[in-house]
Amino acid sequence: MIAAVPFAALGFVKYQGMTAEQIAFNAVRSLLLTYTDLTYQPYNFYYELMKEKQKREEREKKHDKKLRKIKKAKQG
């Protein structure tokens, strides 16, 4: 009788609307059967927002250098 008490108590356990049987089934399925390695991939949201602006500024700087060279050539 004493050995059956924990199993009888599992009948009253509910977690997020699932019975103990469903919890055990989902735990086995998620931990053992569908195991995948999770890798951390950093994502810099600010960089993604500013990427286009940085490219545009770099292009403008290169263009400014070319204009300065042309002006120097005309002056000299």
Protein backbone atom coordinates (compact mmCIF):
# COMPACT_ATOMS: atom_id res chain seq x y z
CA MET A 1 0.00 0.00 0.00
CA ILE A 2 2.75 2.45 0.91
CA ALA A 3 4.45 1.94 -2.48
CA ALA A 4 1.22 2.78 -4.31
CA VAL A 5 0.67 6.14 -2.57
CA PRO A 6 3.10 8.18 -4.78
CA PHE A 7 1.54 6.79 -7.94
CA ALA A 8 -1.96 7.57 -6.67
CA ALA A 9 -0.86 11.10 -5.79
CA LEU A 10 0.36 11.64 -9.35
CA GLY A 11 -3.27 11.41 -10.44
CA PHE A 12 -3.95 14.72 -8.71
CA VAL A 13 -0.92 16.58 -10.09
CA LYS A 14 -1.68 19.20 -12.74
CA TYR A 15 0.82 21.59 -14.30
CA GLN A 16 -0.28 24.06 -16.98
CA GLY A 17 -3.44 22.06 -17.51
CA MET A 18 -1.60 18.77 -18.11
CA THR A 19 -1.83 15.64 -16.03
CA ALA A 20 1.27 13.88 -14.69
CA GLU A 21 1.03 11.37 -17.54
CA GLN A 22 1.06 14.13 -20.18
CA ILE A 23 3.91 15.92 -18.39
CA ALA A 24 6.02 12.75 -18.43
CA PHE A 25 5.23 12.10 -22.10
CA ASN A 26 6.12 15.68 -23.12
CA ALA A 27 9.32 15.62 -21.04
CA VAL A 28 10.51 12.41 -22.70
CA ARG A 29 9.59 13.69 -26.14
CA SER A 30 11.25 17.08 -25.73
CA LEU A 31 14.37 16.01 -23.81
CA LEU A 32 15.23 12.73 -25.51
CA LEU A 33 13.53 12.39 -28.86
CA THR A 34 13.78 15.88 -30.32
CA TYR A 35 17.10 16.97 -28.85
CA THR A 36 18.87 19.71 -30.81
CA ASP A 37 21.97 21.69 -30.03
CA LEU A 38 21.16 25.32 -29.51
CA THR A 39 23.87 27.70 -30.66
CA TYR A 40 24.04 31.30 -29.62
CA GLN A 41 24.11 33.66 -32.57
CA PRO A 42 24.44 37.26 -31.47
CA TYR A 43 22.28 39.79 -33.27
CA ASN A 44 23.14 43.45 -33.03
CA PHE A 45 19.89 45.27 -33.72
CA TYR A 46 21.52 48.71 -33.65
CA TYR A 47 24.11 47.64 -36.23
CA GLU A 48 21.42 46.30 -38.55
CA LEU A 49 19.55 49.61 -38.32
CA MET A 50 22.64 51.72 -38.97
CA LYS A 51 24.28 49.53 -41.63
CA GLU A 52 22.77 51.36 -44.61
CA LYS A 53 23.62 54.77 -43.17
CA GLN A 54 27.24 53.71 -42.60
CA LYS A 55 27.55 52.43 -46.18
CA ARG A 56 26.11 55.68 -47.52
CA GLU A 57 28.54 57.74 -45.42
CA GLU A 58 31.50 55.68 -46.61
CA ARG A 59 30.48 56.19 -50.22
CA GLU A 60 30.16 59.95 -49.63
CA LYS A 61 33.62 60.10 -48.04
CA LYS A 62 35.16 58.30 -51.01
CA HIS A 63 33.36 60.65 -53.38
CA ASP A 64 34.59 63.69 -51.40
CA LYS A 65 38.19 62.46 -51.70
CA LYS A 66 37.82 62.16 -55.45
CA LEU A 67 36.40 65.69 -55.66
CA ARG A 68 39.31 67.05 -53.62
CA LYS A 69 41.79 65.38 -55.96
CA ILE A 70 40.04 66.88 -58.97
CA LYS A 71 40.07 70.36 -57.39
CA LYS A 72 43.78 70.04 -56.55
CA ALA A 73 44.55 68.96 -60.09
CA LYS A 74 42.70 71.97 -61.49
CA GLN A 75 44.46 74.37 -59.13
CA GLY A 76 47.94 72.99 -59.62
